[in-house]
Amino acid sequence: MTLDHAVMMLAGSLVLIGAALTWWVHPAWMWLPVLVGLNLFQASITGFCPAALLLKRLGVRPGAAFR
């Protein structure tokens, strides 16, 4: 698995988890998918992604987008 795939998998998982927690636990959990979406937006503009840095330190091999 490359870093690009890992970042997309992490983001998608956090969005789905946040939506489920919003539905079943409390509406305040809506902030989780909102923050993930904002981070994806800023990463597409700036190229800086904190999740990519963390996953890279954990040893996930680089992909095309995050080197």
Protein backbone atom coordinates (compact mmCIF):
# COMPACT_ATOMS: atom_id res chain seq x y z
CA MET A 1 0.00 0.00 0.00
CA THR A 2 1.34 3.41 -0.92
CA LEU A 3 1.09 6.57 1.12
CA ASP A 4 -1.54 7.99 -1.24
CA HIS A 5 -3.81 4.99 -0.71
CA ALA A 6 -3.26 5.05 3.05
CA VAL A 7 -4.18 8.74 3.31
CA MET A 8 -7.36 8.23 1.25
CA MET A 9 -8.28 5.15 3.30
CA LEU A 10 -7.74 7.01 6.58
CA ALA A 11 -9.75 10.04 5.43
CA GLY A 12 -12.62 7.92 4.14
CA SER A 13 -12.70 5.86 7.32
CA LEU A 14 -12.76 8.96 9.53
CA VAL A 15 -15.61 10.46 7.49
CA LEU A 16 -17.68 7.27 7.76
CA ILE A 17 -16.92 6.89 11.48
CA GLY A 18 -17.83 10.53 12.09
CA ALA A 19 -21.11 10.14 10.19
CA ALA A 20 -22.00 7.00 12.17
CA LEU A 21 -21.16 8.65 15.49
CA THR A 22 -23.25 11.66 14.49
CA TRP A 23 -26.23 9.43 13.74
CA TRP A 24 -26.01 7.09 16.73
CA VAL A 25 -24.21 9.04 19.49
CA HIS A 26 -24.43 12.84 19.30
CA PRO A 27 -24.73 15.52 16.60
CA ALA A 28 -21.51 17.17 17.79
CA TRP A 29 -19.59 14.32 16.14
CA MET A 30 -20.37 16.02 12.81
CA TRP A 31 -17.23 18.06 13.43
CA LEU A 32 -15.04 15.03 12.71
CA PRO A 33 -16.02 14.67 9.02
CA VAL A 34 -16.10 18.46 8.66
CA LEU A 35 -12.50 18.76 9.90
CA VAL A 36 -11.38 15.86 7.72
CA GLY A 37 -12.97 17.55 4.70
CA LEU A 38 -11.31 20.88 5.51
CA ASN A 39 -7.97 19.14 5.86
CA LEU A 40 -8.41 17.42 2.49
CA PHE A 41 -9.27 20.78 0.92
CA GLN A 42 -6.23 22.58 2.35
CA ALA A 43 -3.96 19.64 1.46
CA SER A 44 -5.09 19.84 -2.16
CA ILE A 45 -4.09 23.50 -2.27
CA THR A 46 -0.92 23.53 -0.16
CA GLY A 47 0.35 19.97 -0.52
CA PHE A 48 0.80 19.73 3.26
CA CYS A 49 -0.99 16.80 4.91
CA PRO A 50 -0.39 15.95 8.57
CA ALA A 51 -1.74 12.42 8.07
CA ALA A 52 0.76 11.83 5.26
CA LEU A 53 3.61 12.94 7.51
CA LEU A 54 2.47 10.60 10.28
CA LEU A 55 1.99 7.63 7.97
CA LYS A 56 5.36 8.29 6.33
CA ARG A 57 7.04 8.16 9.76
CA LEU A 58 5.28 4.86 10.40
CA GLY A 59 7.00 3.41 7.35
CA VAL A 60 4.36 3.51 4.62
CA ARG A 61 6.16 3.78 1.28
CA PRO A 62 5.65 6.99 -0.74
CA GLY A 63 3.25 7.22 -3.66
CA ALA A 64 2.83 9.70 -6.46
CA ALA A 65 1.14 12.52 -4.52
CA PHE A 66 3.00 12.55 -1.20
CA ARG A 67 6.78 12.15 -1.39
